[in-house]
């Protein structure tokens, strides 16, 4: 009887161990949301998901901070690297960040707190470091003007395939998408990088924008809403409105590296970054290339991973019940001996 019990106990313990290992934990890459804990980051105005370092999100302050970028770990909310940019002037109003081909980071010093009176603004480009640690990185500074005059803007995206840079201005009467030259020039002469309007973005006072990893969907957000557009070669076609979590002053948005979710951020100390399903992620298609990336087996809310967690937890709970039953049975057996 004792040997039989020991064998059953070992089997139950083994099942419990297997279940504990097999049950998926919460998302390790921050796709479930996180809080930015760095006390230096009080005006997070842009957000970009790293493709080179999964689970890392680059952000920056709005103004009065200096030429710094922060790499935030989405699984903990902690800053794991601070970049100090050289080769640029004193930033004025940094509002956006995007990652282009070859893991090149583009930073948009494109805000205009004077209401669109600065004759030019700046874009900074730098390579994303292969190693995440505090370091100084040399950046290239581009002088940017608009073909139809100065304006305020808070949204910058880089096409993931062509590397072309686009800006969405911030206008209470409706924003516009501006296209930069095929290649930016490092010339310090104003007029060397002229951005021209190519599409309207009505009904939104844009505070940030993001292109899907495959370059097929543009999402533009305002303080309280967002709209997804089919990119359509820059000739935008409205697709759908997208839910935005209420976080206060909503300032930022980025696609996750796999394109399955949108991560929304806001200004303020200890600000939250919260996810929403990306357009197409739950309808059998995906912004990142089909059902395998964003279908029923995706990681969006209500997707296959969530069901797997529930099923695994149920099996683990059942194993615990079996173990308790066997322990009670053993106790009774010893008592009757």
C-alpha atoms as a PDB file:
ATOM      1  CA  UNK A   1       0.000   0.000   0.000  1.00  0.00           C
ATOM      2  CA  UNK A   2       2.789   2.436   0.945  1.00  0.00           C
ATOM      3  CA  UNK A   3       4.703   1.789  -2.326  1.00  0.00           C
ATOM      4  CA  UNK A   4       1.561   2.296  -4.367  1.00  0.00           C
ATOM      5  CA  UNK A   5       0.876   5.539  -2.538  1.00  0.00           C
ATOM      6  CA  UNK A   6       4.432   6.780  -3.078  1.00  0.00           C
ATOM      7  CA  UNK A   7       4.149   6.071  -6.805  1.00  0.00           C
ATOM      8  CA  UNK A   8       0.842   7.974  -6.980  1.00  0.00           C
ATOM      9  CA  UNK A   9       2.285  10.863  -5.001  1.00  0.00           C
ATOM     10  CA  UNK A  10       5.300  11.084  -7.287  1.00  0.00           C
ATOM     11  CA  UNK A  11       3.032  11.077 -10.340  1.00  0.00           C
ATOM     12  CA  UNK A  12       0.885  13.839  -8.898  1.00  0.00           C
ATOM     13  CA  UNK A  13       3.895  15.965  -8.003  1.00  0.00           C
ATOM     14  CA  UNK A  14       5.341  15.457 -11.498  1.00  0.00           C
ATOM     15  CA  UNK A  15       2.039  16.511 -13.094  1.00  0.00           C
ATOM     16  CA  UNK A  16       1.930  19.590 -10.907  1.00  0.00           C
ATOM     17  CA  UNK A  17       5.505  20.512 -11.859  1.00  0.00           C
ATOM     18  CA  UNK A  18       4.817  20.063 -15.566  1.00  0.00           C
ATOM     19  CA  UNK A  19       1.730  22.248 -15.331  1.00  0.00           C
ATOM     20  CA  UNK A  20       3.609  24.949 -13.463  1.00  0.00           C
ATOM     21  CA  UNK A  21       6.250  25.033 -16.190  1.00  0.00           C
ATOM     22  CA  UNK A  22       3.788  24.839 -19.073  1.00  0.00           C
ATOM     23  CA  UNK A  23       1.367  27.517 -17.932  1.00  0.00           C
ATOM     24  CA  UNK A  24       2.287  30.720 -19.783  1.00  0.00           C
ATOM     25  CA  UNK A  25       3.032  33.706 -17.605  1.00  0.00           C
ATOM     26  CA  UNK A  26       1.973  37.265 -18.272  1.00  0.00           C
ATOM     27  CA  UNK A  27       3.476  38.813 -21.393  1.00  0.00           C
ATOM     28  CA  UNK A  28       7.225  39.234 -20.938  1.00  0.00           C
ATOM     29  CA  UNK A  29       7.496  41.949 -23.577  1.00  0.00           C
ATOM     30  CA  UNK A  30       5.133  44.489 -22.066  1.00  0.00           C
ATOM     31  CA  UNK A  31       2.286  43.826 -24.511  1.00  0.00           C
ATOM     32  CA  UNK A  32      -0.074  43.708 -21.523  1.00  0.00           C
ATOM     33  CA  UNK A  33       0.835  47.275 -20.555  1.00  0.00           C
ATOM     34  CA  UNK A  34       3.290  48.780 -18.102  1.00  0.00           C
ATOM     35  CA  UNK A  35       4.040  51.854 -16.011  1.00  0.00           C
ATOM     36  CA  UNK A  36       7.047  54.032 -16.845  1.00  0.00           C
ATOM     37  CA  UNK A  37       8.846  54.192 -13.505  1.00  0.00           C
ATOM     38  CA  UNK A  38      11.799  56.454 -14.298  1.00  0.00           C
ATOM     39  CA  UNK A  39      11.367  59.681 -12.295  1.00  0.00           C
ATOM     40  CA  UNK A  40      13.156  61.579 -15.088  1.00  0.00           C
ATOM     41  CA  UNK A  41      10.417  60.742 -17.598  1.00  0.00           C
ATOM     42  CA  UNK A  42       7.590  63.126 -16.785  1.00  0.00           C
ATOM     43  CA  UNK A  43       6.518  64.173 -20.294  1.00  0.00           C
ATOM     44  CA  UNK A  44       6.681  61.022 -22.408  1.00  0.00           C
ATOM     45  CA  UNK A  45       5.635  62.364 -25.805  1.00  0.00           C
ATOM     46  CA  UNK A  46       6.654  59.590 -28.174  1.00  0.00           C
ATOM     47  CA  UNK A  47       6.901  55.809 -28.147  1.00  0.00           C
ATOM     48  CA  UNK A  48       8.599  53.335 -30.479  1.00  0.00           C
ATOM     49  CA  UNK A  49       8.801  49.554 -30.095  1.00  0.00           C
ATOM     50  CA  UNK A  50      12.276  48.190 -30.732  1.00  0.00           C
ATOM     51  CA  UNK A  51      12.614  45.382 -33.280  1.00  0.00           C
ATOM     52  CA  UNK A  52      16.225  44.682 -32.369  1.00  0.00           C
ATOM     53  CA  UNK A  53      15.446  44.345 -28.662  1.00  0.00           C
ATOM     54  CA  UNK A  54      12.013  42.696 -28.240  1.00  0.00           C
ATOM     55  CA  UNK A  55      10.023  44.133 -25.369  1.00  0.00           C
ATOM     56  CA  UNK A  56      11.942  47.423 -25.300  1.00  0.00           C
ATOM     57  CA  UNK A  57      10.177  50.729 -25.914  1.00  0.00           C
ATOM     58  CA  UNK A  58      12.036  53.952 -26.698  1.00  0.00           C
ATOM     59  CA  UNK A  59      10.644  57.205 -25.348  1.00  0.00           C
ATOM     60  CA  UNK A  60      11.684  60.783 -24.598  1.00  0.00           C
ATOM     61  CA  UNK A  61      10.481  63.845 -22.788  1.00  0.00           C
ATOM     62  CA  UNK A  62       8.687  66.724 -24.474  1.00  0.00           C
ATOM     63  CA  UNK A  63      10.902  69.738 -23.776  1.00  0.00           C
ATOM     64  CA  UNK A  64      13.358  71.171 -21.245  1.00  0.00           C
ATOM     65  CA  UNK A  65      15.098  67.802 -20.861  1.00  0.00           C
ATOM     66  CA  UNK A  66      18.029  67.760 -23.282  1.00  0.00           C
ATOM     67  CA  UNK A  67      19.082  65.346 -25.994  1.00  0.00           C
ATOM     68  CA  UNK A  68      18.177  62.095 -24.233  1.00  0.00           C
ATOM     69  CA  UNK A  69      16.382  58.910 -25.211  1.00  0.00           C
ATOM     70  CA  UNK A  70      15.252  56.254 -22.757  1.00  0.00           C
ATOM     71  CA  UNK A  71      14.920  52.515 -23.366  1.00  0.00           C
ATOM     72  CA  UNK A  72      12.122  51.187 -21.158  1.00  0.00           C
ATOM     73  CA  UNK A  73      11.656  47.483 -20.486  1.00  0.00           C
ATOM     74  CA  UNK A  74       8.010  46.668 -21.147  1.00  0.00           C
ATOM     75  CA  UNK A  75       8.037  43.766 -18.681  1.00  0.00           C
ATOM     76  CA  UNK A  76       9.021  45.929 -15.714  1.00  0.00           C
ATOM     77  CA  UNK A  77       8.632  49.583 -16.691  1.00  0.00           C
ATOM     78  CA  UNK A  78      12.246  50.193 -15.705  1.00  0.00           C
ATOM     79  CA  UNK A  79      14.697  52.194 -17.819  1.00  0.00           C
ATOM     80  CA  UNK A  80      17.476  49.877 -18.995  1.00  0.00           C
ATOM     81  CA  UNK A  81      19.482  52.383 -21.060  1.00  0.00           C
ATOM     82  CA  UNK A  82      19.782  56.136 -21.467  1.00  0.00           C
ATOM     83  CA  UNK A  83      21.209  57.542 -24.687  1.00  0.00           C
ATOM     84  CA  UNK A  84      22.810  60.967 -24.793  1.00  0.00           C
ATOM     85  CA  UNK A  85      22.783  62.372 -28.320  1.00  0.00           C
ATOM     86  CA  UNK A  86      25.707  64.352 -29.690  1.00  0.00           C
ATOM     87  CA  UNK A  87      25.986  66.116 -33.036  1.00  0.00           C
ATOM     88  CA  UNK A  88      22.713  67.983 -32.495  1.00  0.00           C
ATOM     89  CA  UNK A  89      21.812  71.380 -31.130  1.00  0.00           C
ATOM     90  CA  UNK A  90      19.725  72.090 -28.048  1.00  0.00           C
ATOM     91  CA  UNK A  91      16.355  70.352 -28.567  1.00  0.00           C
ATOM     92  CA  UNK A  92      13.332  72.661 -28.530  1.00  0.00           C
ATOM     93  CA  UNK A  93      10.167  70.544 -28.560  1.00  0.00           C
ATOM     94  CA  UNK A  94      10.761  66.823 -29.106  1.00  0.00           C
ATOM     95  CA  UNK A  95       7.424  65.208 -29.905  1.00  0.00           C
ATOM     96  CA  UNK A  96       7.895  61.940 -31.798  1.00  0.00           C
ATOM     97  CA  UNK A  97      10.099  58.905 -32.309  1.00  0.00           C
ATOM     98  CA  UNK A  98      10.051  56.151 -34.933  1.00  0.00           C
ATOM     99  CA  UNK A  99      12.290  53.278 -36.003  1.00  0.00           C
ATOM    100  CA  UNK A 100      13.062  52.761 -39.670  1.00  0.00           C
ATOM    101  CA  UNK A 101      14.909  50.151 -41.731  1.00  0.00           C
ATOM    102  CA  UNK A 102      18.228  48.939 -40.394  1.00  0.00           C
ATOM    103  CA  UNK A 103      17.229  49.748 -36.810  1.00  0.00           C
ATOM    104  CA  UNK A 104      17.690  53.456 -37.395  1.00  0.00           C
ATOM    105  CA  UNK A 105      15.985  55.675 -34.822  1.00  0.00           C
ATOM    106  CA  UNK A 106      14.399  58.919 -36.002  1.00  0.00           C
ATOM    107  CA  UNK A 107      13.493  61.594 -33.462  1.00  0.00           C
ATOM    108  CA  UNK A 108      11.139  64.430 -34.338  1.00  0.00           C
ATOM    109  CA  UNK A 109      12.027  67.769 -32.754  1.00  0.00           C
ATOM    110  CA  UNK A 110       9.017  69.061 -34.666  1.00  0.00           C
ATOM    111  CA  UNK A 111       6.744  70.620 -32.078  1.00  0.00           C
ATOM    112  CA  UNK A 112       6.178  74.353 -32.110  1.00  0.00           C
ATOM    113  CA  UNK A 113       4.905  75.733 -28.845  1.00  0.00           C
ATOM    114  CA  UNK A 114       4.709  79.152 -30.491  1.00  0.00           C
ATOM    115  CA  UNK A 115       1.847  77.970 -32.687  1.00  0.00           C
ATOM    116  CA  UNK A 116       3.684  77.356 -35.936  1.00  0.00           C
ATOM    117  CA  UNK A 117       6.066  80.282 -36.126  1.00  0.00           C
ATOM    118  CA  UNK A 118       9.480  78.653 -36.189  1.00  0.00           C
ATOM    119  CA  UNK A 119      10.866  78.835 -39.752  1.00  0.00           C
ATOM    120  CA  UNK A 120      12.268  75.302 -39.475  1.00  0.00           C
ATOM    121  CA  UNK A 121      12.289  72.257 -37.208  1.00  0.00           C
ATOM    122  CA  UNK A 122      14.667  69.314 -36.792  1.00  0.00           C
ATOM    123  CA  UNK A 123      14.796  65.553 -37.205  1.00  0.00           C
ATOM    124  CA  UNK A 124      17.585  63.522 -35.594  1.00  0.00           C
ATOM    125  CA  UNK A 125      18.721  60.126 -36.870  1.00  0.00           C
ATOM    126  CA  UNK A 126      20.903  57.646 -34.994  1.00  0.00           C
ATOM    127  CA  UNK A 127      21.598  53.900 -35.044  1.00  0.00           C
ATOM    128  CA  UNK A 128      19.860  51.913 -32.352  1.00  0.00           C
ATOM    129  CA  UNK A 129      22.653  50.479 -30.174  1.00  0.00           C
ATOM    130  CA  UNK A 130      23.134  46.717 -30.310  1.00  0.00           C
ATOM    131  CA  UNK A 131      23.856  46.760 -26.573  1.00  0.00           C
ATOM    132  CA  UNK A 132      21.444  48.337 -24.126  1.00  0.00           C
ATOM    133  CA  UNK A 133      23.464  50.430 -21.692  1.00  0.00           C
ATOM    134  CA  UNK A 134      23.928  54.085 -20.855  1.00  0.00           C
ATOM    135  CA  UNK A 135      26.016  55.590 -23.644  1.00  0.00           C
ATOM    136  CA  UNK A 136      26.630  58.554 -25.908  1.00  0.00           C
ATOM    137  CA  UNK A 137      25.566  58.184 -29.538  1.00  0.00           C
ATOM    138  CA  UNK A 138      26.353  60.514 -32.423  1.00  0.00           C
ATOM    139  CA  UNK A 139      23.248  61.561 -34.349  1.00  0.00           C
ATOM    140  CA  UNK A 140      22.677  63.289 -37.673  1.00  0.00           C
ATOM    141  CA  UNK A 141      20.576  66.442 -37.561  1.00  0.00           C
ATOM    142  CA  UNK A 142      18.286  67.369 -40.460  1.00  0.00           C
ATOM    143  CA  UNK A 143      16.784  70.816 -40.969  1.00  0.00           C
ATOM    144  CA  UNK A 144      13.129  70.505 -42.019  1.00  0.00           C
ATOM    145  CA  UNK A 145      10.740  73.018 -43.571  1.00  0.00           C
ATOM    146  CA  UNK A 146       7.214  72.709 -45.000  1.00  0.00           C
ATOM    147  CA  UNK A 147       6.180  73.682 -48.494  1.00  0.00           C
ATOM    148  CA  UNK A 148       3.137  75.578 -47.180  1.00  0.00           C
ATOM    149  CA  UNK A 149       4.685  77.354 -44.217  1.00  0.00           C
ATOM    150  CA  UNK A 150       5.578  76.736 -40.592  1.00  0.00           C
ATOM    151  CA  UNK A 151       3.325  74.607 -38.434  1.00  0.00           C
ATOM    152  CA  UNK A 152       3.083  72.655 -35.218  1.00  0.00           C
ATOM    153  CA  UNK A 153       3.438  68.870 -35.395  1.00  0.00           C
ATOM    154  CA  UNK A 154       3.721  65.978 -32.942  1.00  0.00           C
ATOM    155  CA  UNK A 155       3.691  62.916 -35.221  1.00  0.00           C
ATOM    156  CA  UNK A 156       6.509  61.402 -37.239  1.00  0.00           C
ATOM    157  CA  UNK A 157       6.656  57.989 -38.923  1.00  0.00           C
ATOM    158  CA  UNK A 158       9.290  56.248 -41.015  1.00  0.00           C
ATOM    159  CA  UNK A 159       8.194  53.753 -43.636  1.00  0.00           C
ATOM    160  CA  UNK A 160       9.653  50.381 -42.580  1.00  0.00           C
ATOM    161  CA  UNK A 161      10.546  49.397 -46.161  1.00  0.00           C
ATOM    162  CA  UNK A 162      11.470  52.597 -47.998  1.00  0.00           C
ATOM    163  CA  UNK A 163      12.890  54.543 -45.059  1.00  0.00           C
ATOM    164  CA  UNK A 164      11.023  57.652 -46.192  1.00  0.00           C
ATOM    165  CA  UNK A 165      10.026  60.030 -43.400  1.00  0.00           C
ATOM    166  CA  UNK A 166       6.522  61.453 -42.956  1.00  0.00           C
ATOM    167  CA  UNK A 167       5.089  64.029 -40.564  1.00  0.00           C
ATOM    168  CA  UNK A 168       1.467  64.568 -39.531  1.00  0.00           C
ATOM    169  CA  UNK A 169       0.836  68.123 -38.400  1.00  0.00           C
ATOM    170  CA  UNK A 170      -1.352  69.053 -35.434  1.00  0.00           C
ATOM    171  CA  UNK A 171      -4.330  71.129 -36.494  1.00  0.00           C
ATOM    172  CA  UNK A 172      -7.628  71.465 -34.631  1.00  0.00           C
ATOM    173  CA  UNK A 173      -9.411  71.828 -37.980  1.00  0.00           C
ATOM    174  CA  UNK A 174      -7.943  68.599 -39.345  1.00  0.00           C
ATOM    175  CA  UNK A 175      -4.388  67.369 -39.740  1.00  0.00           C
ATOM    176  CA  UNK A 176      -2.380  66.585 -42.886  1.00  0.00           C
ATOM    177  CA  UNK A 177       0.192  63.987 -43.841  1.00  0.00           C
ATOM    178  CA  UNK A 178       3.458  65.486 -45.126  1.00  0.00           C
ATOM    179  CA  UNK A 179       5.986  63.525 -47.162  1.00  0.00           C
ATOM    180  CA  UNK A 180       9.697  64.194 -46.928  1.00  0.00           C
ATOM    181  CA  UNK A 181      12.238  63.763 -49.717  1.00  0.00           C
ATOM    182  CA  UNK A 182      13.306  60.260 -50.718  1.00  0.00           C
ATOM    183  CA  UNK A 183      16.541  60.868 -48.790  1.00  0.00           C
ATOM    184  CA  UNK A 184      17.084  63.475 -46.118  1.00  0.00           C
ATOM    185  CA  UNK A 185      20.018  65.844 -46.550  1.00  0.00           C
ATOM    186  CA  UNK A 186      22.324  66.714 -43.674  1.00  0.00           C
ATOM    187  CA  UNK A 187      22.852  70.200 -45.139  1.00  0.00           C
ATOM    188  CA  UNK A 188      22.311  72.906 -42.549  1.00  0.00           C
ATOM    189  CA  UNK A 189      20.636  75.104 -45.140  1.00  0.00           C
ATOM    190  CA  UNK A 190      16.884  75.597 -44.592  1.00  0.00           C
ATOM    191  CA  UNK A 191      15.040  74.321 -47.641  1.00  0.00           C
ATOM    192  CA  UNK A 192      17.177  71.223 -48.119  1.00  0.00           C
ATOM    193  CA  UNK A 193      14.448  68.975 -46.637  1.00  0.00           C
ATOM    194  CA  UNK A 194      11.050  70.262 -47.720  1.00  0.00           C
ATOM    195  CA  UNK A 195       8.008  68.269 -46.591  1.00  0.00           C
ATOM    196  CA  UNK A 196       4.932  68.465 -48.820  1.00  0.00           C
ATOM    197  CA  UNK A 197       1.286  67.622 -47.988  1.00  0.00           C
ATOM    198  CA  UNK A 198       0.108  64.411 -49.671  1.00  0.00           C
ATOM    199  CA  UNK A 199      -3.087  63.491 -47.792  1.00  0.00           C
ATOM    200  CA  UNK A 200      -5.591  64.923 -45.354  1.00  0.00           C
ATOM    201  CA  UNK A 201      -6.215  63.420 -41.928  1.00  0.00           C
ATOM    202  CA  UNK A 202      -9.602  64.924 -41.044  1.00  0.00           C
ATOM    203  CA  UNK A 203     -11.399  64.842 -37.691  1.00  0.00           C
ATOM    204  CA  UNK A 204      -8.173  64.542 -35.702  1.00  0.00           C
ATOM    205  CA  UNK A 205      -5.842  66.932 -33.924  1.00  0.00           C
ATOM    206  CA  UNK A 206      -2.949  64.525 -34.239  1.00  0.00           C
ATOM    207  CA  UNK A 207      -0.704  63.983 -31.215  1.00  0.00           C
ATOM    208  CA  UNK A 208       1.145  60.937 -32.607  1.00  0.00           C
ATOM    209  CA  UNK A 209       1.082  58.337 -35.371  1.00  0.00           C
ATOM    210  CA  UNK A 210       2.476  54.882 -36.095  1.00  0.00           C
ATOM    211  CA  UNK A 211       2.993  52.702 -39.153  1.00  0.00           C
ATOM    212  CA  UNK A 212       2.490  48.940 -38.914  1.00  0.00           C
ATOM    213  CA  UNK A 213       5.651  46.818 -39.270  1.00  0.00           C
ATOM    214  CA  UNK A 214       4.689  45.865 -42.818  1.00  0.00           C
ATOM    215  CA  UNK A 215       3.994  49.493 -43.755  1.00  0.00           C
ATOM    216  CA  UNK A 216       0.377  48.796 -44.717  1.00  0.00           C
ATOM    217  CA  UNK A 217      -1.588  50.558 -41.947  1.00  0.00           C
ATOM    218  CA  UNK A 218      -1.179  54.036 -40.494  1.00  0.00           C
ATOM    219  CA  UNK A 219      -2.753  54.827 -37.125  1.00  0.00           C
ATOM    220  CA  UNK A 220      -3.102  58.471 -36.143  1.00  0.00           C
ATOM    221  CA  UNK A 221      -4.147  59.365 -32.616  1.00  0.00           C
ATOM    222  CA  UNK A 222      -5.442  62.475 -30.897  1.00  0.00           C
ATOM    223  CA  UNK A 223      -5.904  63.088 -27.198  1.00  0.00           C
ATOM    224  CA  UNK A 224      -9.059  60.977 -27.003  1.00  0.00           C
ATOM    225  CA  UNK A 225      -9.380  58.934 -30.199  1.00  0.00           C
ATOM    226  CA  UNK A 226      -7.552  57.363 -33.124  1.00  0.00           C
ATOM    227  CA  UNK A 227      -8.219  56.345 -36.713  1.00  0.00           C
ATOM    228  CA  UNK A 228      -6.583  53.617 -38.787  1.00  0.00           C
ATOM    229  CA  UNK A 229      -5.902  54.167 -42.489  1.00  0.00           C
ATOM    230  CA  UNK A 230      -4.794  51.836 -45.231  1.00  0.00           C
ATOM    231  CA  UNK A 231      -1.451  53.318 -46.227  1.00  0.00           C
ATOM    232  CA  UNK A 232      -2.140  52.906 -49.938  1.00  0.00           C
ATOM    233  CA  UNK A 233       1.214  54.338 -51.009  1.00  0.00           C
ATOM    234  CA  UNK A 234       0.642  57.468 -48.934  1.00  0.00           C
ATOM    235  CA  UNK A 235      -2.802  58.083 -50.463  1.00  0.00           C
ATOM    236  CA  UNK A 236      -4.605  57.336 -47.237  1.00  0.00           C
ATOM    237  CA  UNK A 237      -7.870  55.428 -47.198  1.00  0.00           C
ATOM    238  CA  UNK A 238      -9.858  55.463 -43.960  1.00  0.00           C
ATOM    239  CA  UNK A 239     -10.192  51.982 -42.517  1.00  0.00           C
ATOM    240  CA  UNK A 240     -11.757  52.222 -39.041  1.00  0.00           C
ATOM    241  CA  UNK A 241     -11.789  54.010 -35.734  1.00  0.00           C
ATOM    242  CA  UNK A 242      -9.618  52.368 -33.093  1.00  0.00           C
ATOM    243  CA  UNK A 243     -10.245  52.287 -29.367  1.00  0.00           C
ATOM    244  CA  UNK A 244      -8.017  54.421 -27.164  1.00  0.00           C
ATOM    245  CA  UNK A 245      -7.625  53.749 -23.422  1.00  0.00           C
ATOM    246  CA  UNK A 246      -8.185  56.810 -21.239  1.00  0.00           C
ATOM    247  CA  UNK A 247      -4.805  57.713 -19.787  1.00  0.00           C
ATOM    248  CA  UNK A 248      -5.060  61.456 -19.297  1.00  0.00           C
ATOM    249  CA  UNK A 249      -3.190  63.567 -21.838  1.00  0.00           C
ATOM    250  CA  UNK A 250      -2.725  60.977 -24.585  1.00  0.00           C
ATOM    251  CA  UNK A 251       0.500  61.716 -26.437  1.00  0.00           C
ATOM    252  CA  UNK A 252       1.932  58.579 -28.013  1.00  0.00           C
ATOM    253  CA  UNK A 253       1.215  55.382 -29.931  1.00  0.00           C
ATOM    254  CA  UNK A 254       3.292  52.590 -31.454  1.00  0.00           C
ATOM    255  CA  UNK A 255       2.659  49.182 -32.956  1.00  0.00           C
ATOM    256  CA  UNK A 256       4.239  46.313 -31.073  1.00  0.00           C
ATOM    257  CA  UNK A 257       7.133  44.737 -32.945  1.00  0.00           C
ATOM    258  CA  UNK A 258       4.908  41.907 -34.194  1.00  0.00           C
ATOM    259  CA  UNK A 259       2.154  44.289 -35.289  1.00  0.00           C
ATOM    260  CA  UNK A 260      -0.534  42.602 -33.192  1.00  0.00           C
ATOM    261  CA  UNK A 261      -1.196  45.417 -30.769  1.00  0.00           C
ATOM    262  CA  UNK A 262      -1.083  49.174 -30.447  1.00  0.00           C
ATOM    263  CA  UNK A 263       0.555  50.586 -27.345  1.00  0.00           C
ATOM    264  CA  UNK A 264      -0.821  53.940 -26.176  1.00  0.00           C
ATOM    265  CA  UNK A 265       1.049  56.257 -23.815  1.00  0.00           C
ATOM    266  CA  UNK A 266       0.502  59.554 -22.023  1.00  0.00           C
ATOM    267  CA  UNK A 267       2.379  62.360 -20.324  1.00  0.00           C
ATOM    268  CA  UNK A 268       2.931  62.608 -16.596  1.00  0.00           C
ATOM    269  CA  UNK A 269       5.041  60.992 -13.904  1.00  0.00           C
ATOM    270  CA  UNK A 270       4.549  57.225 -13.586  1.00  0.00           C
ATOM    271  CA  UNK A 271       2.517  57.283 -16.787  1.00  0.00           C
ATOM    272  CA  UNK A 272       0.833  54.137 -18.068  1.00  0.00           C
ATOM    273  CA  UNK A 273       1.284  52.487 -21.447  1.00  0.00           C
ATOM    274  CA  UNK A 274      -1.772  50.429 -22.355  1.00  0.00           C
ATOM    275  CA  UNK A 275      -2.500  48.028 -25.259  1.00  0.00           C
ATOM    276  CA  UNK A 276      -5.344  47.786 -27.744  1.00  0.00           C
ATOM    277  CA  UNK A 277      -5.769  45.218 -30.502  1.00  0.00           C
ATOM    278  CA  UNK A 278      -4.238  46.460 -33.740  1.00  0.00           C
ATOM    279  CA  UNK A 279      -6.441  46.808 -36.826  1.00  0.00           C
ATOM    280  CA  UNK A 280      -6.818  43.416 -38.498  1.00  0.00           C
ATOM    281  CA  UNK A 281      -5.310  41.513 -35.580  1.00  0.00           C
ATOM    282  CA  UNK A 282      -8.564  39.764 -34.683  1.00  0.00           C
ATOM    283  CA  UNK A 283     -10.249  39.170 -38.041  1.00  0.00           C
ATOM    284  CA  UNK A 284      -8.060  36.464 -39.530  1.00  0.00           C
ATOM    285  CA  UNK A 285      -5.694  39.001 -41.051  1.00  0.00           C
ATOM    286  CA  UNK A 286      -2.910  41.087 -39.635  1.00  0.00           C
ATOM    287  CA  UNK A 287      -1.039  44.270 -40.138  1.00  0.00           C
ATOM    288  CA  UNK A 288       2.132  42.218 -40.015  1.00  0.00           C
ATOM    289  CA  UNK A 289       1.394  39.613 -42.605  1.00  0.00           C
ATOM    290  CA  UNK A 290      -1.515  37.229 -42.233  1.00  0.00           C
ATOM    291  CA  UNK A 291      -3.296  34.816 -39.973  1.00  0.00           C
ATOM    292  CA  UNK A 292      -0.172  33.358 -38.460  1.00  0.00           C
ATOM    293  CA  UNK A 293       0.696  36.735 -36.943  1.00  0.00           C
ATOM    294  CA  UNK A 294      -2.699  38.059 -35.947  1.00  0.00           C
ATOM    295  CA  UNK A 295      -5.425  35.429 -36.286  1.00  0.00           C
ATOM    296  CA  UNK A 296      -7.125  33.332 -33.648  1.00  0.00           C
ATOM    297  CA  UNK A 297      -3.789  32.123 -32.363  1.00  0.00           C
ATOM    298  CA  UNK A 298      -2.511  35.660 -31.805  1.00  0.00           C
ATOM    299  CA  UNK A 299      -1.828  37.285 -28.454  1.00  0.00           C
ATOM    300  CA  UNK A 300      -4.543  39.916 -28.544  1.00  0.00           C
ATOM    301  CA  UNK A 301      -7.146  40.034 -25.819  1.00  0.00           C
ATOM    302  CA  UNK A 302      -9.398  37.033 -26.151  1.00  0.00           C
ATOM    303  CA  UNK A 303      -6.885  35.245 -28.424  1.00  0.00           C
ATOM    304  CA  UNK A 304      -5.357  31.806 -28.231  1.00  0.00           C
ATOM    305  CA  UNK A 305      -2.689  32.661 -25.652  1.00  0.00           C
ATOM    306  CA  UNK A 306      -5.316  33.768 -23.151  1.00  0.00           C
ATOM    307  CA  UNK A 307      -7.211  30.498 -23.613  1.00  0.00           C
ATOM    308  CA  UNK A 308      -3.969  28.603 -23.143  1.00  0.00           C
ATOM    309  CA  UNK A 309      -3.347  30.361 -19.846  1.00  0.00           C
ATOM    310  CA  UNK A 310      -6.841  29.493 -18.609  1.00  0.00           C
ATOM    311  CA  UNK A 311      -6.549  25.854 -19.688  1.00  0.00           C
ATOM    312  CA  UNK A 312      -3.126  25.454 -18.121  1.00  0.00           C
ATOM    313  CA  UNK A 313      -4.299  27.008 -14.872  1.00  0.00           C
ATOM    314  CA  UNK A 314      -7.264  24.626 -14.782  1.00  0.00           C
ATOM    315  CA  UNK A 315      -5.004  21.593 -15.236  1.00  0.00           C
ATOM    316  CA  UNK A 316      -2.659  22.835 -12.526  1.00  0.00           C
ATOM    317  CA  UNK A 317      -5.587  23.322 -10.163  1.00  0.00           C
ATOM    318  CA  UNK A 318      -6.804  19.800 -10.901  1.00  0.00           C
ATOM    319  CA  UNK A 319      -3.348  18.438 -10.091  1.00  0.00           C
ATOM    320  CA  UNK A 320      -3.440  20.206  -6.723  1.00  0.00           C
ATOM    321  CA  UNK A 321      -6.826  18.631  -5.949  1.00  0.00           C
ATOM    322  CA  UNK A 322      -5.446  15.186  -6.800  1.00  0.00           C
ATOM    323  CA  UNK A 323      -2.487  15.778  -4.502  1.00  0.00           C
ATOM    324  CA  UNK A 324      -4.737  16.874  -1.616  1.00  0.00           C
ATOM    325  CA  UNK A 325      -6.941  13.783  -2.121  1.00  0.00           C
ATOM    326  CA  UNK A 326      -3.950  11.447  -2.000  1.00  0.00           C
ATOM    327  CA  UNK A 327      -2.538  13.101   1.101  1.00  0.00           C
ATOM    328  CA  UNK A 328      -5.865  12.714   2.888  1.00  0.00           C
ATOM    329  CA  UNK A 329      -6.104   9.086   1.802  1.00  0.00           C
ATOM    330  CA  UNK A 330      -2.620   8.412   3.106  1.00  0.00           C
ATOM    331  CA  UNK A 331      -3.499  10.052   6.417  1.00  0.00           C
ATOM    332  CA  UNK A 332      -6.572   7.837   6.808  1.00  0.00           C
ATOM    333  CA  UNK A 333      -4.549   4.742   5.907  1.00  0.00           C
ATOM    334  CA  UNK A 334      -1.968   5.514   8.559  1.00  0.00           C
ATOM    335  CA  UNK A 335      -4.686   6.224  11.109  1.00  0.00           C
ATOM    336  CA  UNK A 336      -6.344   2.839  10.502  1.00  0.00           C
ATOM    337  CA  UNK A 337      -3.087   0.869  10.594  1.00  0.00           C
END
